[in-house]
Amino acid sequence: MRHLLATFLMLLSFTTQAEEALMLYGGDGHKQFLGCLNCSKYDGNALCNKYGQSGSKYSSESIWNKYGNFGSKYSNFSPWNKYSASAPIIVDKNGNSYGYFSANKYHPNRTRYSPFLALLDLVVANDDLEAARDAYCGD
């Protein structure tokens, strides 16, 4: 079943390649840039660029660092915390909001974009951030 979810999520990730870059901001007042959710993995700011600050599982500012403020399932600033009220927000270059990138299903403004919901739910269900990242990014 995990393989099916990973394959499904990988296919959904390709649908996120929209014209409009969707950026993720977190932390106090959502002032910390965390990366681009749907940019090419060759983009320096992409969450899928594992060599960039936003995509590295070792970066303190990455949502993929399970020990960091933005990647720990226990941090209030992390999208993976299913109880968080302070998850990162998704915005475009004009500042239009696409909801909060949050595993908290009860967050009143949780994103409704299905590929992102699939990723959030997969991380919560499997508790395997690295596998979810690989599935989402196509690695």
N, C-alpha and C. Protein backbone atom coordinates (compact mmCIF):
# COMPACT_ATOMS: atom_id res chain seq x y z
N MET A 1 0.82 -1.20 0.00
CA MET A 1 0.00 0.00 0.00
C MET A 1 0.87 1.26 0.00
N ARG A 2 1.98 1.22 0.73
CA ARG A 2 2.86 2.39 0.78
C ARG A 2 3.39 2.71 -0.61
N HIS A 3 3.72 1.67 -1.37
CA HIS A 3 4.21 1.89 -2.73
C HIS A 3 3.15 2.56 -3.60
N LEU A 4 1.90 2.15 -3.45
CA LEU A 4 0.81 2.76 -4.21
C LEU A 4 0.64 4.22 -3.84
N LEU A 5 0.70 4.52 -2.56
CA LEU A 5 0.59 5.92 -2.13
C LEU A 5 1.74 6.75 -2.68
N ALA A 6 2.95 6.20 -2.65
CA ALA A 6 4.10 6.93 -3.16
C ALA A 6 3.96 7.19 -4.66
N THR A 7 3.53 6.19 -5.38
CA THR A 7 3.34 6.35 -6.83
C THR A 7 2.26 7.38 -7.11
N PHE A 8 1.15 7.31 -6.39
CA PHE A 8 0.06 8.26 -6.55
C PHE A 8 0.54 9.68 -6.26
N LEU A 9 1.29 9.84 -5.19
CA LEU A 9 1.79 11.15 -4.81
C LEU A 9 2.77 11.68 -5.84
N MET A 10 3.62 10.81 -6.38
CA MET A 10 4.57 11.25 -7.39
C MET A 10 3.84 11.75 -8.64
N LEU A 11 2.80 11.06 -9.04
CA LEU A 11 2.02 11.50 -10.19
C LEU A 11 1.35 12.84 -9.91
N LEU A 12 0.83 13.01 -8.72
CA LEU A 12 0.20 14.27 -8.36
C LEU A 12 1.19 15.42 -8.35
N SER A 13 2.44 15.14 -8.00
CA SER A 13 3.43 16.21 -7.92
C SER A 13 3.64 16.87 -9.28
N PHE A 14 3.48 16.11 -10.35
CA PHE A 14 3.66 16.69 -11.67
C PHE A 14 2.54 17.67 -12.01
N THR A 15 1.39 17.52 -11.38
CA THR A 15 0.29 18.45 -11.63
C THR A 15 0.51 19.79 -10.93
N THR A 16 1.47 19.84 -10.01
CA THR A 16 1.73 21.09 -9.30
C THR A 16 2.61 22.03 -10.11
N GLN A 17 3.07 21.61 -11.27
CA GLN A 17 3.91 22.46 -12.09
C GLN A 17 3.06 23.52 -12.78
N ALA A 18 2.50 24.40 -12.00
CA ALA A 18 1.63 25.46 -12.51
C ALA A 18 2.48 26.63 -13.00
N GLU A 19 1.84 27.52 -13.74
CA GLU A 19 2.52 28.73 -14.20
C GLU A 19 2.93 29.59 -13.01
N GLU A 20 2.09 29.67 -12.03
CA GLU A 20 2.31 30.51 -10.86
C GLU A 20 3.13 29.75 -9.83
N ALA A 21 4.29 30.29 -9.46
CA ALA A 21 5.12 29.68 -8.43
C ALA A 21 4.43 29.86 -7.08
N LEU A 22 4.32 28.79 -6.34
CA LEU A 22 3.69 28.83 -5.02
C LEU A 22 4.78 28.71 -3.96
N MET A 23 4.90 29.77 -3.17
CA MET A 23 5.96 29.88 -2.18
C MET A 23 5.45 29.57 -0.78
N LEU A 24 6.33 29.06 0.03
CA LEU A 24 6.00 28.69 1.39
C LEU A 24 6.75 29.60 2.36
N TYR A 25 6.00 30.19 3.30
CA TYR A 25 6.57 31.06 4.33
C TYR A 25 6.13 30.56 5.69
N GLY A 26 7.06 30.56 6.65
CA GLY A 26 6.73 30.07 7.98
C GLY A 26 7.36 30.90 9.07
N GLY A 27 7.24 30.40 10.28
CA GLY A 27 7.81 31.08 11.44
C GLY A 27 6.90 32.17 11.96
N ASP A 28 7.43 32.96 12.90
CA ASP A 28 6.68 34.08 13.48
C ASP A 28 6.28 35.06 12.39
N GLY A 29 5.00 35.31 12.26
CA GLY A 29 4.50 36.25 11.26
C GLY A 29 4.69 35.79 9.83
N HIS A 30 5.05 34.54 9.64
CA HIS A 30 5.28 33.97 8.32
C HIS A 30 6.27 34.80 7.51
N LYS A 31 7.35 35.19 8.16
CA LYS A 31 8.37 36.03 7.51
C LYS A 31 9.55 35.22 6.96
N GLN A 32 9.64 33.96 7.35
CA GLN A 32 10.76 33.11 6.93
C GLN A 32 10.40 32.39 5.63
N PHE A 33 11.16 32.68 4.55
CA PHE A 33 10.95 32.00 3.28
C PHE A 33 11.45 30.57 3.40
N LEU A 34 10.58 29.61 3.08
CA LEU A 34 10.93 28.19 3.20
C LEU A 34 11.16 27.51 1.86
N GLY A 35 10.72 28.12 0.77
CA GLY A 35 10.97 27.53 -0.53
C GLY A 35 9.75 27.54 -1.42
N CYS A 36 9.98 27.08 -2.63
CA CYS A 36 8.93 27.02 -3.65
C CYS A 36 8.39 25.59 -3.73
N LEU A 37 7.09 25.46 -3.57
CA LEU A 37 6.43 24.14 -3.58
C LEU A 37 6.35 23.49 -4.96
N ASN A 38 6.23 24.27 -5.99
CA ASN A 38 5.98 23.69 -7.31
C ASN A 38 6.98 24.10 -8.37
N CYS A 39 8.14 24.61 -7.96
CA CYS A 39 9.19 24.97 -8.92
C CYS A 39 9.96 23.71 -9.32
N SER A 40 10.64 23.80 -10.43
CA SER A 40 11.50 22.71 -10.90
C SER A 40 12.53 22.36 -9.83
N LYS A 41 12.85 21.09 -9.71
CA LYS A 41 13.82 20.69 -8.70
C LYS A 41 15.23 21.21 -8.99
N TYR A 42 15.41 21.85 -10.13
CA TYR A 42 16.69 22.46 -10.47
C TYR A 42 16.74 23.94 -10.05
N ASP A 43 15.60 24.46 -9.63
CA ASP A 43 15.53 25.84 -9.13
C ASP A 43 16.18 25.88 -7.75
N GLY A 44 17.00 26.86 -7.51
CA GLY A 44 17.71 26.97 -6.23
C GLY A 44 16.81 27.12 -5.02
N ASN A 45 15.59 27.62 -5.21
CA ASN A 45 14.66 27.82 -4.10
C ASN A 45 13.63 26.70 -3.96
N ALA A 46 13.70 25.70 -4.81
CA ALA A 46 12.70 24.64 -4.81
C ALA A 46 12.82 23.72 -3.60
N LEU A 47 11.69 23.34 -3.07
CA LEU A 47 11.66 22.37 -1.97
C LEU A 47 12.16 21.01 -2.44
N CYS A 48 12.15 20.79 -3.73
CA CYS A 48 12.61 19.52 -4.28
C CYS A 48 14.08 19.55 -4.72
N ASN A 49 14.77 20.66 -4.52
CA ASN A 49 16.20 20.73 -4.84
C ASN A 49 16.96 20.28 -3.60
N LYS A 50 17.33 19.01 -3.58
CA LYS A 50 17.96 18.46 -2.37
C LYS A 50 19.34 19.04 -2.08
N TYR A 51 19.89 19.81 -3.02
CA TYR A 51 21.18 20.45 -2.80
C TYR A 51 21.02 21.91 -2.38
N GLY A 52 19.81 22.41 -2.43
CA GLY A 52 19.54 23.79 -2.03
C GLY A 52 19.13 23.87 -0.57
N GLN A 53 19.14 25.06 -0.04
CA GLN A 53 18.79 25.25 1.37
C GLN A 53 17.36 24.83 1.68
N SER A 54 16.44 25.08 0.76
CA SER A 54 15.03 24.75 1.00
C SER A 54 14.75 23.26 0.87
N GLY A 55 15.54 22.57 0.07
CA GLY A 55 15.27 21.17 -0.19
C GLY A 55 16.14 20.17 0.54
N SER A 56 17.16 20.64 1.22
CA SER A 56 18.08 19.75 1.91
C SER A 56 17.49 19.25 3.23
N LYS A 57 17.66 17.97 3.49
CA LYS A 57 17.16 17.43 4.76
C LYS A 57 18.07 17.81 5.93
N TYR A 58 19.17 18.48 5.63
CA TYR A 58 20.10 18.91 6.67
C TYR A 58 19.98 20.39 7.02
N SER A 59 19.30 21.16 6.20
CA SER A 59 19.17 22.59 6.42
C SER A 59 18.22 22.89 7.58
N SER A 60 18.62 23.81 8.43
CA SER A 60 17.77 24.16 9.58
C SER A 60 16.48 24.84 9.15
N GLU A 61 16.43 25.35 7.92
CA GLU A 61 15.24 26.05 7.43
C GLU A 61 14.43 25.21 6.46
N SER A 62 14.68 23.94 6.42
CA SER A 62 13.99 23.06 5.47
C SER A 62 12.84 22.30 6.14
N ILE A 63 11.75 22.15 5.41
CA ILE A 63 10.63 21.34 5.93
C ILE A 63 10.98 19.85 5.89
N TRP A 64 12.08 19.50 5.24
CA TRP A 64 12.50 18.10 5.15
C TRP A 64 13.46 17.70 6.27
N ASN A 65 13.86 18.63 7.12
CA ASN A 65 14.75 18.33 8.24
C ASN A 65 13.88 17.98 9.45
N LYS A 66 13.80 16.70 9.73
CA LYS A 66 12.89 16.25 10.80
C LYS A 66 13.34 16.68 12.19
N TYR A 67 14.51 17.27 12.30
CA TYR A 67 14.99 17.77 13.59
C TYR A 67 14.91 19.29 13.69
N GLY A 68 14.52 19.95 12.62
CA GLY A 68 14.46 21.41 12.59
C GLY A 68 13.10 21.96 12.95
N ASN A 69 13.03 23.27 13.15
CA ASN A 69 11.77 23.94 13.49
C ASN A 69 10.68 23.77 12.45
N PHE A 70 11.09 23.65 11.19
CA PHE A 70 10.10 23.58 10.11
C PHE A 70 9.85 22.16 9.60
N GLY A 71 10.57 21.18 10.13
CA GLY A 71 10.41 19.81 9.68
C GLY A 71 10.01 18.82 10.76
N SER A 72 10.14 19.21 12.01
CA SER A 72 9.81 18.31 13.11
C SER A 72 8.30 18.17 13.27
N LYS A 73 7.86 16.96 13.47
CA LYS A 73 6.41 16.75 13.66
C LYS A 73 5.94 17.30 15.01
N TYR A 74 6.86 17.77 15.83
CA TYR A 74 6.51 18.33 17.14
C TYR A 74 6.56 19.86 17.18
N SER A 75 7.15 20.48 16.16
CA SER A 75 7.28 21.93 16.14
C SER A 75 5.98 22.59 15.70
N ASN A 76 5.61 23.66 16.38
CA ASN A 76 4.40 24.40 16.03
C ASN A 76 4.51 25.08 14.67
N PHE A 77 5.74 25.28 14.18
CA PHE A 77 5.96 25.93 12.87
C PHE A 77 6.05 24.94 11.71
N SER A 78 5.96 23.67 12.02
CA SER A 78 6.13 22.63 11.00
C SER A 78 4.80 22.25 10.34
N PRO A 79 4.83 22.01 9.03
CA PRO A 79 3.61 21.54 8.37
C PRO A 79 3.23 20.13 8.80
N TRP A 80 4.18 19.38 9.32
CA TRP A 80 3.94 17.97 9.66
C TRP A 80 3.33 17.78 11.05
N ASN A 81 3.21 18.83 11.84
CA ASN A 81 2.61 18.75 13.16
C ASN A 81 1.09 18.75 13.00
N LYS A 82 0.47 17.64 13.28
CA LYS A 82 -0.98 17.52 13.02
C LYS A 82 -1.83 18.28 14.03
N TYR A 83 -1.20 18.98 14.97
CA TYR A 83 -1.95 19.80 15.92
C TYR A 83 -1.59 21.29 15.81
N SER A 84 -0.69 21.63 14.94
CA SER A 84 -0.19 23.00 14.85
C SER A 84 -1.22 23.99 14.35
N ALA A 85 -1.18 25.17 14.95
CA ALA A 85 -2.02 26.28 14.49
C ALA A 85 -1.15 27.32 13.76
N SER A 86 0.18 27.08 13.72
CA SER A 86 1.11 28.05 13.13
C SER A 86 1.92 27.45 11.98
N ALA A 87 1.28 26.65 11.16
CA ALA A 87 1.95 26.02 10.03
C ALA A 87 2.30 27.06 8.97
N PRO A 88 3.19 26.71 8.05
CA PRO A 88 3.55 27.64 6.96
C PRO A 88 2.36 27.96 6.06
N ILE A 89 2.44 29.12 5.41
CA ILE A 89 1.38 29.55 4.50
C ILE A 89 1.90 29.49 3.06
N ILE A 90 1.00 29.19 2.15
CA ILE A 90 1.32 29.12 0.72
C ILE A 90 0.83 30.41 0.06
N VAL A 91 1.73 31.10 -0.63
CA VAL A 91 1.37 32.33 -1.33
C VAL A 91 2.02 32.36 -2.71
N ASP A 92 1.43 33.15 -3.61
CA ASP A 92 2.06 33.36 -4.91
C ASP A 92 2.85 34.67 -4.86
N LYS A 93 3.46 35.05 -5.98
CA LYS A 93 4.32 36.24 -5.99
C LYS A 93 3.56 37.53 -5.72
N ASN A 94 2.24 37.50 -5.90
CA ASN A 94 1.41 38.69 -5.63
C ASN A 94 0.87 38.72 -4.21
N GLY A 95 1.22 37.73 -3.42
CA GLY A 95 0.76 37.67 -2.03
C GLY A 95 -0.59 37.02 -1.84
N ASN A 96 -1.15 36.44 -2.91
CA ASN A 96 -2.42 35.73 -2.77
C ASN A 96 -2.20 34.43 -2.01
N SER A 97 -3.05 34.16 -1.04
CA SER A 97 -2.91 32.98 -0.21
C SER A 97 -3.61 31.77 -0.83
N TYR A 98 -2.95 30.62 -0.69
CA TYR A 98 -3.51 29.34 -1.12
C TYR A 98 -3.74 28.43 0.08
N GLY A 99 -3.81 29.04 1.24
CA GLY A 99 -4.07 28.30 2.47
C GLY A 99 -2.79 27.93 3.20
N TYR A 100 -2.97 27.26 4.29
CA TYR A 100 -1.84 26.85 5.13
C TYR A 100 -1.44 25.43 4.77
N PHE A 101 -0.14 25.23 4.67
CA PHE A 101 0.43 23.92 4.37
C PHE A 101 0.54 23.20 5.70
N SER A 102 -0.54 22.53 6.08
CA SER A 102 -0.66 22.00 7.43
C SER A 102 -1.25 20.59 7.46
N ALA A 103 -0.63 19.74 8.25
CA ALA A 103 -1.15 18.39 8.47
C ALA A 103 -2.35 18.41 9.41
N ASN A 104 -2.60 19.55 10.03
CA ASN A 104 -3.73 19.70 10.95
C ASN A 104 -5.02 19.77 10.13
N LYS A 105 -5.76 18.68 10.13
CA LYS A 105 -6.99 18.60 9.34
C LYS A 105 -8.07 19.55 9.84
N TYR A 106 -7.89 20.08 11.02
CA TYR A 106 -8.89 20.98 11.60
C TYR A 106 -8.47 22.45 11.50
N HIS A 107 -7.35 22.71 10.86
CA HIS A 107 -6.92 24.09 10.67
C HIS A 107 -7.96 24.78 9.78
N PRO A 108 -8.51 25.91 10.21
CA PRO A 108 -9.60 26.54 9.47
C PRO A 108 -9.23 27.00 8.06
N ASN A 109 -7.95 27.25 7.81
CA ASN A 109 -7.53 27.72 6.49
C ASN A 109 -6.52 26.78 5.85
N ARG A 110 -6.64 25.50 6.14
CA ARG A 110 -5.75 24.51 5.54
C ARG A 110 -5.93 24.54 4.02
N THR A 111 -4.82 24.39 3.30
CA THR A 111 -4.91 24.39 1.85
C THR A 111 -5.90 23.33 1.37
N ARG A 112 -6.52 23.59 0.26
CA ARG A 112 -7.46 22.64 -0.33
C ARG A 112 -6.89 22.04 -1.62
N TYR A 113 -5.65 22.35 -1.91
CA TYR A 113 -5.02 21.88 -3.13
C TYR A 113 -4.63 20.41 -2.95
N SER A 114 -5.25 19.52 -3.70
CA SER A 114 -5.15 18.08 -3.46
C SER A 114 -3.74 17.50 -3.49
N PRO A 115 -2.83 17.92 -4.37
CA PRO A 115 -1.48 17.34 -4.29
C PRO A 115 -0.78 17.65 -2.96
N PHE A 116 -1.00 18.85 -2.44
CA PHE A 116 -0.38 19.20 -1.17
C PHE A 116 -1.04 18.46 -0.02
N LEU A 117 -2.35 18.29 -0.08
CA LEU A 117 -3.05 17.52 0.94
C LEU A 117 -2.58 16.07 0.94
N ALA A 118 -2.38 15.51 -0.25
CA ALA A 118 -1.90 14.13 -0.35
C ALA A 118 -0.53 13.99 0.30
N LEU A 119 0.35 14.95 0.07
CA LEU A 119 1.68 14.93 0.69
C LEU A 119 1.58 15.03 2.20
N LEU A 120 0.81 15.99 2.69
CA LEU A 120 0.65 16.17 4.14
C LEU A 120 0.09 14.92 4.80
N ASP A 121 -0.94 14.36 4.20
CA ASP A 121 -1.57 13.17 4.78
C ASP A 121 -0.66 11.95 4.72
N LEU A 122 0.14 11.85 3.66
CA LEU A 122 1.09 10.73 3.54
C LEU A 122 2.13 10.78 4.64
N VAL A 123 2.65 11.97 4.93
CA VAL A 123 3.65 12.10 5.98
C VAL A 123 3.07 11.70 7.33
N VAL A 124 1.87 12.15 7.61
CA VAL A 124 1.24 11.81 8.89
C VAL A 124 0.96 10.30 8.97
N ALA A 125 0.45 9.72 7.90
CA ALA A 125 0.09 8.30 7.91
C ALA A 125 1.30 7.37 8.03
N ASN A 126 2.39 7.71 7.35
CA ASN A 126 3.54 6.80 7.31
C ASN A 126 4.69 7.20 8.22
N ASP A 127 4.67 8.44 8.71
CA ASP A 127 5.74 8.95 9.58
C ASP A 127 7.12 8.70 8.95
N ASP A 128 7.20 8.91 7.64
CA ASP A 128 8.46 8.74 6.91
C ASP A 128 8.66 9.94 6.00
N LEU A 129 9.27 10.97 6.55
CA LEU A 129 9.44 12.24 5.85
C LEU A 129 10.32 12.07 4.61
N GLU A 130 11.37 11.28 4.72
CA GLU A 130 12.27 11.11 3.59
C GLU A 130 11.59 10.41 2.41
N ALA A 131 10.81 9.37 2.69
CA ALA A 131 10.10 8.67 1.62
C ALA A 131 9.04 9.57 0.97
N ALA A 132 8.37 10.37 1.79
CA ALA A 132 7.37 11.30 1.25
C ALA A 132 8.03 12.34 0.37
N ARG A 133 9.18 12.86 0.81
CA ARG A 133 9.92 13.84 0.01
C ARG A 133 10.34 13.24 -1.33
N ASP A 134 10.86 12.02 -1.29
CA ASP A 134 11.29 11.34 -2.51
C ASP A 134 10.11 11.11 -3.46
N ALA A 135 8.97 10.74 -2.91
CA ALA A 135 7.78 10.50 -3.73
C ALA A 135 7.27 11.80 -4.33
N TYR A 136 7.22 12.84 -3.54
CA TYR A 136 6.71 14.13 -4.01
C TYR A 136 7.63 14.74 -5.07
N CYS A 137 8.93 14.61 -4.84
CA CYS A 137 9.90 15.23 -5.73
C CYS A 137 10.30 14.36 -6.91
N GLY A 138 9.89 13.12 -6.88
CA GLY A 138 10.22 12.22 -7.99
C GLY A 138 11.64 11.69 -7.94
N ASP A 139 12.23 11.66 -6.76
CA ASP A 139 13.60 11.13 -6.62
C ASP A 139 13.59 9.63 -6.40
